[in-house]
Structure formats: C-alpha cells, structure tokens
Amino acid sequence: MCVGNQFGNFGNTDRGSASRLYREWHRANDGDTEQEDIVSSFAEFGVLVNNRHKPKDKPADTKVALGFLAPWLIGAVCLSLIPMLYSLVISFTKYNMIKPPQFVGLMNYRHMIADPRFINSLTVTLTYVIVSVPLQLVAALALAVLLDRGMRGLAFYRSAFYLPSMLGGSVAVAVLWKMVFGADGLFNAFLGIFGIDTTMSWIANPDTANWTLMALHVWQFGSPMVIFLAGLRQIPRELYEAASVDGAGTWRQFRSITLPMLSPIIFFNLVMSVINSFQTFTQAYVVSGGTGGPSDSTLFYTLYLYQQGFASLRMGYASALAWIMVLIVAALTGMNFALSKFWVHYDD
C-alpha cells in the first residue's frame, strides 16, 4: 500500500479535486475500509492545508492603493465636482461677483430663448463641428493608411504630422493663421500663382472667417491620425492576403476589411473630436480680438460664454450657458452612441 505516494499531492488540491481522486481510488481498491479511512483523512488534511495557504486580503494593500488615489480624488472633487455644482447653483441666480447672488429661478434659461447672440453662437459652433470634424477624421485616416504601408522614416512623418495637434490651439499659431489669411497673407500669394488676384482678407470676411477656423481645426489631424495608425497595426495582415487571393482590389479591401475592423477607433475619434470642437476658444478669441467678429461670424459658444461671464460679469447667465453646453454635448454624445450600433463592429 503506497497511500503516501498516491495522495501526496492532496495539499495542492481543493475539496472538489480531493473528492474526485478519492472516488477513483475507492473504485480501484474495492472498498477496503482501513485504507478508506486513511485516504479520507489525507483528503481532508489536504483541503485544510490548501485553504490555509490561500492568499487573504491585506488591509495594508488597500490603504496603499487609496493613498495613491487620494491626490487624484481630492483634485477631482475640489477642482471639478464642487465648482460644477457651484456653477449649477449660480445658474439660477443673478450674480456679478460684486453683490451677493440673487435667486432668479429659471430667468437665465428663459432669457436664452430670446437672445439672438446665443442662437447665433450655437449656429456658428454647430456649423464648425458638422463641417470640420468629418474633414479632420477623413484627413487623419487617409494619412494613417498611407503611413501604414511601411514607408521609410515612419517615426519622422508621424511626429511631423502630430506636431500641429500640439501647437494648433496655441495663441502663436492663431496669430500666424490670422496673418496667413489676411489681405496680404500667404494664402492670397498662393492663389496669385494660379492667376487669381485678390486682396480680400479671408479672416475679416463674415462669409469666410469661420471657414478659415475650420481649416485650422482640420490641420490639427495629428492626434486622431496616430490613433488610427495604432488601430491599423492591430488588423491581422492575413485578412488582406486572403482578400488578395480572392481577387479583391485595394478599394474593396479598404471598404470590406479596414473600415469594419477600424470602426471602433473611428467611433472613439468621432466622439472625442465632437467634444473637443465644442470647446474651441483660443483661435476664435485671437482671430476676432475677443469680439466674435466680423459680424459675429466667429462668435463661438465658448467665446460668447466668456463674454457674458468675464466681460459683462453676468456670472449667473454664463453659468446657465455652460450647463446648456454640457447638455448639448451630452445629447450629441448619446446620439453617437445610439447610432453606433448600426455601423460600429466589435469583435465578439
């Protein structure tokens, strides 16, 4: 009888495994009572030893984790949550930062409906988002597909195309953009090469001012391009090889393989770009000198909010504008999520 050899590994088993081994041994030894008692003892002992060595939760680890999270949690509560709740309260008051807030109920929200500049700022911003976001994503995807073909100097091109995303929202680039599209700017000089002689200031024309800012936004395609490029690297190359064998051309492969496989990345970039576009402020402020001109053609929603809050000291109305923007962005994001089930394909 070699009970120790047969059941020496009980210390590494759980109760279910010990029971299974015991039943197998019992069938092999035809119910020997003496050995049965010994084996049963080994099984129970093995389960007890295994349970003794199971790791237990350590309160110290939890405290360490909370210690690392504490700065972020404190910052999120003090710098985000509390100011947002305070802004919500202020939105129901008349407050100019000099006198104490005076409760006015929904007056600030009702005033928006009759405020033509609010309607105009919302129209300008929505036009900017609807036009510039798709163009930016198309440019980013096109460049990502080209860079994914394994050309030399990939790191250089990736960094060069990403650079505008870092600088595009700066004051310096906004000033440069104002000069490029001015009456004597580089854009008119470029048109002169093709015989188009014009001295129009594109940035000062109400019909074209917003379009110049859209071009600036599209130029900042580097960030979504890098994300697209990372997504393209995750698509198995075997799919393209199999499609080539079946006679699928480049366009068919792009439409049937690249777009479906990349649809979650496209959706992510779309949502983030819409949110970021609604926060456009620096470019419009610098180009128009903070007025939203010419003729309010660059009066973005955030710029109008700034004018009401910090120029006119109408903090209650500005807070109401901020919360309406939150609701609009949340509604657009929710709409994108609802529509995503028709075109976004996830791996199941």
Protein backbone atom coordinates (compact mmCIF):
# COMPACT_ATOMS: atom_id res chain seq x y z
CA MET A 1 0.00 0.00 0.00
CA CYS A 2 1.54 3.31 -1.13
CA VAL A 3 -1.02 5.74 0.17
CA GLY A 4 1.60 8.47 0.68
CA ASN A 5 2.78 8.19 -2.92
CA GLN A 6 -0.70 8.17 -4.38
CA PHE A 7 -2.09 11.06 -2.35
CA GLY A 8 0.96 13.16 -1.53
CA ASN A 9 -0.37 15.90 -3.78
CA PHE A 10 -3.60 16.46 -1.81
CA GLY A 11 -2.01 19.53 -0.27
CA ASN A 12 -2.26 21.20 -3.67
CA THR A 13 -5.90 20.30 -4.35
CA ASP A 14 -9.21 21.81 -3.46
CA ARG A 15 -12.18 19.94 -1.97
CA GLY A 16 -13.69 19.03 -5.36
CA SER A 17 -10.42 17.60 -6.72
CA ALA A 18 -9.81 15.66 -3.49
CA SER A 19 -13.27 14.10 -3.67
CA ARG A 20 -12.75 13.08 -7.29
CA LEU A 21 -9.38 11.46 -6.54
CA TYR A 22 -10.89 9.71 -3.54
CA ARG A 23 -13.72 8.17 -5.63
CA GLU A 24 -11.25 6.95 -8.24
CA TRP A 25 -9.09 5.34 -5.56
CA HIS A 26 -12.14 3.77 -3.90
CA ARG A 27 -13.20 2.06 -7.14
CA ALA A 28 -9.68 0.74 -7.64
CA ASN A 29 -9.40 -0.77 -4.12
CA ASP A 30 -12.88 -2.33 -3.80
CA GLY A 31 -13.89 -0.57 -0.62
CA ASP A 32 -11.00 -1.51 1.74
CA THR A 33 -12.27 0.05 5.00
CA GLU A 34 -8.88 0.57 6.61
CA GLN A 35 -7.38 2.22 3.56
CA GLU A 36 -10.59 4.17 3.04
CA ASP A 37 -10.24 5.80 6.46
CA ILE A 38 -6.61 6.64 5.78
CA VAL A 39 -7.32 8.14 2.39
CA SER A 40 -10.27 10.11 3.72
CA SER A 41 -8.00 11.60 6.36
CA PHE A 42 -5.42 12.50 3.71
CA ALA A 43 -8.09 14.20 1.63
CA GLU A 44 -9.45 16.30 4.49
CA PHE A 45 -5.93 17.20 5.58
CA GLY A 46 -5.02 18.25 2.05
CA VAL A 47 -8.04 20.54 1.78
CA LEU A 48 -7.24 22.12 5.13
CA VAL A 49 -3.62 22.74 4.14
CA ASN A 50 -4.71 24.20 0.79
CA ASN A 51 -7.18 26.55 2.47
CA ARG A 52 -4.52 27.64 4.96
CA HIS A 53 -2.23 28.75 2.14
CA LYS A 54 -4.88 30.70 0.19
CA PRO A 55 -3.97 34.40 -0.04
CA LYS A 56 -6.01 36.70 2.13
CA ASP A 57 -6.89 40.31 1.52
CA LYS A 58 -4.39 42.61 3.16
CA PRO A 59 -5.81 45.84 4.57
CA ALA A 60 -2.40 47.43 4.15
CA ASP A 61 -2.57 46.98 0.36
CA THR A 62 -5.96 48.69 0.25
CA LYS A 63 -4.61 51.60 2.27
CA VAL A 64 -1.63 51.97 -0.06
CA ALA A 65 -3.92 51.97 -3.12
CA LEU A 66 -6.17 54.60 -1.54
CA GLY A 67 -3.09 56.64 -0.69
CA PHE A 68 -2.06 56.74 -4.35
CA LEU A 69 -5.62 57.53 -5.46
CA ALA A 70 -6.16 60.22 -2.83
CA PRO A 71 -4.46 63.13 -4.70
CA TRP A 72 -6.49 62.45 -7.84
CA LEU A 73 -9.74 62.01 -5.92
CA ILE A 74 -9.16 65.19 -3.91
CA GLY A 75 -8.31 67.10 -7.09
CA ALA A 76 -11.36 65.75 -8.93
CA VAL A 77 -13.69 66.69 -6.08
CA CYS A 78 -12.17 70.10 -5.28
CA LEU A 79 -11.33 71.26 -8.81
CA SER A 80 -14.15 69.67 -10.84
CA LEU A 81 -17.13 68.38 -8.89
CA ILE A 82 -17.51 71.22 -6.37
CA PRO A 83 -17.06 74.01 -9.00
CA MET A 84 -19.58 72.29 -11.28
CA LEU A 85 -22.16 72.05 -8.51
CA TYR A 86 -21.50 75.67 -7.53
CA SER A 87 -21.92 76.70 -11.17
CA LEU A 88 -25.26 74.88 -11.27
CA VAL A 89 -26.44 76.82 -8.21
CA ILE A 90 -25.18 80.12 -9.64
CA SER A 91 -27.07 79.48 -12.90
CA PHE A 92 -30.32 80.14 -11.02
CA THR A 93 -29.12 83.49 -9.70
CA LYS A 94 -28.23 87.00 -10.80
CA TYR A 95 -24.60 87.39 -9.83
CA ASN A 96 -21.96 89.92 -10.88
CA MET A 97 -19.13 88.94 -8.47
CA ILE A 98 -19.62 92.24 -6.59
CA LYS A 99 -23.01 91.89 -4.94
CA PRO A 100 -24.25 88.68 -3.31
CA PRO A 101 -26.07 86.25 -5.65
CA GLN A 102 -29.78 86.96 -6.06
CA PHE A 103 -32.04 83.99 -6.78
CA VAL A 104 -34.00 84.45 -10.03
CA GLY A 105 -35.16 80.90 -10.74
CA LEU A 106 -35.23 79.95 -14.43
CA MET A 107 -34.92 83.51 -15.71
CA ASN A 108 -31.40 82.94 -17.12
CA TYR A 109 -32.57 79.89 -19.07
CA ARG A 110 -35.68 81.66 -20.37
CA HIS A 111 -33.55 84.60 -21.48
CA MET A 112 -31.53 82.33 -23.81
CA ILE A 113 -34.57 81.63 -25.96
CA ALA A 114 -34.94 85.34 -26.76
CA ASP A 115 -31.20 86.02 -27.02
CA PRO A 116 -30.22 86.29 -30.73
CA ARG A 117 -26.49 86.18 -29.95
CA PHE A 118 -26.95 82.90 -28.09
CA ILE A 119 -28.75 81.42 -31.11
CA ASN A 120 -26.03 82.75 -33.42
CA SER A 121 -23.19 81.38 -31.28
CA LEU A 122 -24.85 77.98 -31.21
CA THR A 123 -25.32 78.06 -35.00
CA VAL A 124 -21.69 79.07 -35.60
CA THR A 125 -20.42 76.31 -33.31
CA LEU A 126 -22.64 73.58 -34.74
CA THR A 127 -21.64 74.54 -38.29
CA TYR A 128 -18.00 74.41 -37.26
CA VAL A 129 -18.43 70.95 -35.69
CA ILE A 130 -20.51 69.44 -38.50
CA VAL A 131 -18.07 70.54 -41.22
CA SER A 132 -14.63 70.37 -39.60
CA VAL A 133 -14.89 67.14 -37.62
CA PRO A 134 -15.63 64.82 -40.59
CA LEU A 135 -12.98 66.55 -42.72
CA GLN A 136 -10.41 66.18 -39.95
CA LEU A 137 -11.17 62.48 -39.47
CA VAL A 138 -11.01 61.81 -43.22
CA ALA A 139 -7.63 63.55 -43.45
CA ALA A 140 -6.36 61.67 -40.40
CA LEU A 141 -7.49 58.29 -41.73
CA ALA A 142 -6.07 58.93 -45.20
CA LEU A 143 -2.64 59.85 -43.81
CA ALA A 144 -2.72 56.91 -41.40
CA VAL A 145 -3.41 54.47 -44.26
CA LEU A 146 -0.52 55.93 -46.27
CA LEU A 147 1.88 55.75 -43.33
CA ASP A 148 0.78 52.18 -42.58
CA ARG A 149 2.31 50.99 -45.86
CA GLY A 150 5.71 50.67 -44.22
CA MET A 151 7.45 53.68 -45.76
CA ARG A 152 10.87 54.72 -44.56
CA GLY A 153 11.12 57.42 -41.91
CA LEU A 154 7.77 56.50 -40.37
CA ALA A 155 8.73 57.92 -36.96
CA PHE A 156 9.67 61.26 -38.53
CA TYR A 157 6.44 61.60 -40.52
CA ARG A 158 4.35 60.52 -37.55
CA SER A 159 5.97 63.19 -35.36
CA ALA A 160 5.74 65.85 -38.09
CA PHE A 161 2.04 65.26 -38.67
CA TYR A 162 1.33 65.07 -34.94
CA LEU A 163 3.01 68.42 -34.22
CA PRO A 164 0.04 70.58 -35.39
CA SER A 165 -2.17 68.85 -32.81
CA MET A 166 0.13 70.12 -30.09
CA LEU A 167 0.51 73.65 -31.47
CA GLY A 168 -2.81 74.25 -33.26
CA GLY A 169 -4.62 75.50 -30.17
CA SER A 170 -1.87 77.92 -29.15
CA VAL A 171 -2.04 81.70 -29.35
CA ALA A 172 1.05 81.84 -31.58
CA VAL A 173 -0.50 79.59 -34.24
CA ALA A 174 -3.77 81.55 -34.11
CA VAL A 175 -1.83 84.78 -34.74
CA LEU A 176 0.05 83.10 -37.58
CA TRP A 177 -3.24 81.86 -39.05
CA LYS A 178 -4.60 85.41 -38.94
CA MET A 179 -1.59 86.60 -40.92
CA VAL A 180 -1.77 83.76 -43.46
CA PHE A 181 -5.40 84.52 -44.34
CA GLY A 182 -5.05 88.32 -44.17
CA ALA A 183 -5.27 90.63 -47.18
CA ASP A 184 -1.51 90.40 -47.78
CA GLY A 185 -1.17 86.87 -46.45
CA LEU A 186 0.38 83.73 -47.87
CA PHE A 187 -2.97 82.32 -48.96
CA ASN A 188 -3.58 85.20 -51.39
CA ALA A 189 0.01 84.87 -52.60
CA PHE A 190 -0.64 81.18 -53.26
CA LEU A 191 -3.80 81.99 -55.23
CA GLY A 192 -1.79 84.51 -57.25
CA ILE A 193 0.33 81.65 -58.61
CA PHE A 194 -2.78 80.39 -60.41
CA GLY A 195 -3.72 83.83 -61.70
CA ILE A 196 -6.30 84.55 -59.01
CA ASP A 197 -5.54 88.11 -58.00
CA THR A 198 -7.35 89.07 -54.81
CA THR A 199 -6.69 91.31 -51.85
CA MET A 200 -9.60 90.02 -49.79
CA SER A 201 -8.93 89.33 -46.13
CA TRP A 202 -10.41 85.88 -45.66
CA ILE A 203 -10.22 86.17 -41.90
CA ALA A 204 -12.07 89.52 -41.89
CA ASN A 205 -14.86 88.49 -44.27
CA PRO A 206 -18.06 87.34 -42.50
CA ASP A 207 -18.68 84.76 -45.22
CA THR A 208 -15.27 83.08 -44.93
CA ALA A 209 -13.98 83.78 -41.41
CA ASN A 210 -15.48 80.63 -39.90
CA TRP A 211 -14.15 78.55 -42.79
CA THR A 212 -10.60 79.67 -42.06
CA LEU A 213 -11.00 78.44 -38.49
CA MET A 214 -12.39 75.17 -39.82
CA ALA A 215 -9.23 74.80 -41.90
CA LEU A 216 -7.17 75.34 -38.77
CA HIS A 217 -9.11 72.60 -36.98
CA VAL A 218 -8.69 70.17 -39.88
CA TRP A 219 -4.95 70.93 -39.88
CA GLN A 220 -4.79 69.52 -36.35
CA PHE A 221 -5.42 65.96 -37.56
CA GLY A 222 -2.26 64.54 -35.97
CA SER A 223 -3.82 63.18 -32.80
CA PRO A 224 -6.58 61.08 -34.46
CA MET A 225 -4.06 60.06 -37.13
CA VAL A 226 -1.76 58.48 -34.54
CA ILE A 227 -4.73 56.64 -33.01
CA PHE A 228 -5.83 55.42 -36.45
CA LEU A 229 -2.30 54.25 -37.17
CA ALA A 230 -2.22 52.25 -33.95
CA GLY A 231 -5.55 50.67 -34.86
CA LEU A 232 -4.37 49.77 -38.37
CA ARG A 233 -1.39 47.94 -36.87
CA GLN A 234 -3.80 45.68 -34.97
CA ILE A 235 -5.61 44.42 -38.08
CA PRO A 236 -4.30 40.93 -38.99
CA ARG A 237 -2.38 41.01 -42.28
CA GLU A 238 -3.74 37.56 -43.11
CA LEU A 239 -7.10 39.15 -43.87
CA TYR A 240 -5.60 41.31 -46.62
CA GLU A 241 -3.62 38.37 -48.01
CA ALA A 242 -6.73 36.21 -48.17
CA ALA A 243 -8.68 39.02 -49.83
CA SER A 244 -5.93 39.47 -52.42
CA VAL A 245 -6.04 35.77 -53.22
CA ASP A 246 -9.79 36.07 -53.74
CA GLY A 247 -9.21 38.93 -56.20
CA ALA A 248 -10.22 41.88 -54.00
CA GLY A 249 -8.62 45.16 -55.02
CA THR A 250 -7.25 47.89 -52.77
CA TRP A 251 -10.53 49.79 -52.52
CA ARG A 252 -12.53 46.62 -51.83
CA GLN A 253 -10.07 45.63 -49.09
CA PHE A 254 -10.33 49.08 -47.55
CA ARG A 255 -14.13 49.02 -47.62
CA SER A 256 -14.62 45.41 -46.51
CA ILE A 257 -11.71 44.94 -44.08
CA THR A 258 -10.14 48.21 -42.96
CA LEU A 259 -13.29 50.23 -42.26
CA PRO A 260 -15.19 47.49 -40.35
CA MET A 261 -12.14 46.49 -38.31
CA LEU A 262 -11.30 50.13 -37.60
CA SER A 263 -14.88 51.23 -36.83
CA PRO A 264 -14.42 51.26 -33.00
CA ILE A 265 -11.39 53.54 -33.42
CA ILE A 266 -13.33 55.78 -35.82
CA PHE A 267 -16.15 55.98 -33.29
CA PHE A 268 -13.76 56.90 -30.47
CA ASN A 269 -12.12 59.65 -32.54
CA LEU A 270 -15.53 60.95 -33.62
CA VAL A 271 -16.82 61.29 -30.06
CA MET A 272 -13.63 62.93 -28.80
CA SER A 273 -13.42 65.31 -31.78
CA VAL A 274 -17.01 66.49 -31.31
CA ILE A 275 -16.38 67.17 -27.62
CA ASN A 276 -13.11 68.99 -28.31
CA SER A 277 -14.63 71.06 -31.13
CA PHE A 278 -17.30 72.43 -28.82
CA GLN A 279 -14.52 73.71 -26.55
CA THR A 280 -12.81 75.77 -29.28
CA PHE A 281 -11.96 79.15 -27.78
CA THR A 282 -8.38 80.36 -28.26
CA GLN A 283 -8.46 80.51 -32.06
CA ALA A 284 -11.75 82.44 -32.18
CA TYR A 285 -10.63 84.82 -29.44
CA VAL A 286 -7.30 85.66 -31.08
CA VAL A 287 -8.65 85.95 -34.63
CA SER A 288 -11.54 88.23 -33.65
CA GLY A 289 -9.83 90.06 -30.81
CA GLY A 290 -12.37 88.64 -28.39
CA THR A 291 -15.36 90.21 -30.18
CA GLY A 292 -16.51 87.24 -32.27
CA GLY A 293 -16.37 89.38 -35.40
CA PRO A 294 -16.66 90.16 -38.14
CA SER A 295 -20.43 90.39 -37.71
CA ASP A 296 -20.37 87.63 -35.06
CA SER A 297 -19.23 85.12 -37.71
CA THR A 298 -16.63 83.69 -35.29
CA LEU A 299 -18.74 84.05 -32.15
CA PHE A 300 -18.24 80.53 -30.88
CA TYR A 301 -20.30 79.28 -27.96
CA THR A 302 -17.35 79.30 -25.56
CA LEU A 303 -16.39 82.83 -26.65
CA TYR A 304 -19.92 84.08 -26.02
CA LEU A 305 -19.88 82.36 -22.62
CA TYR A 306 -16.59 84.14 -21.84
CA GLN A 307 -18.02 87.50 -22.90
CA GLN A 308 -21.04 87.10 -20.64
CA GLY A 309 -19.09 85.86 -17.65
CA PHE A 310 -15.85 87.85 -17.64
CA ALA A 311 -16.56 90.88 -19.84
CA SER A 312 -20.13 91.64 -18.75
CA LEU A 313 -19.81 89.99 -15.29
CA ARG A 314 -23.09 88.15 -15.79
CA MET A 315 -21.93 85.06 -13.95
CA GLY A 316 -25.41 83.64 -13.49
CA TYR A 317 -26.17 83.79 -17.20
CA ALA A 318 -22.70 82.46 -18.09
CA SER A 319 -23.21 79.50 -15.74
CA ALA A 320 -26.55 78.76 -17.40
CA LEU A 321 -24.83 78.88 -20.80
CA ALA A 322 -22.19 76.45 -19.54
CA TRP A 323 -24.78 73.94 -18.36
CA ILE A 324 -26.72 74.18 -21.62
CA MET A 325 -23.46 73.38 -23.44
CA VAL A 326 -22.96 70.36 -21.18
CA LEU A 327 -26.45 69.13 -22.07
CA ILE A 328 -25.90 69.72 -25.80
CA VAL A 329 -22.59 67.84 -25.82
CA ALA A 330 -24.12 65.04 -23.74
CA ALA A 331 -27.05 64.79 -26.18
CA LEU A 332 -24.73 64.63 -29.21
CA THR A 333 -22.57 62.02 -27.49
CA GLY A 334 -25.62 59.97 -26.60
CA MET A 335 -26.85 60.21 -30.20
CA ASN A 336 -23.47 58.99 -31.45
CA PHE A 337 -23.62 56.03 -29.08
CA ALA A 338 -27.17 55.21 -30.16
CA LEU A 339 -26.24 55.31 -33.86
CA SER A 340 -23.00 53.38 -33.34
CA LYS A 341 -24.84 50.05 -33.21
CA PHE A 342 -25.60 50.43 -36.93
CA TRP A 343 -22.00 50.86 -38.11
CA VAL A 344 -19.52 50.04 -35.33
CA HIS A 345 -18.38 46.42 -35.34
CA TYR A 346 -16.82 44.91 -32.23
CA ASP A 347 -15.08 41.55 -32.03
CA ASP A 348 -17.34 39.12 -30.17
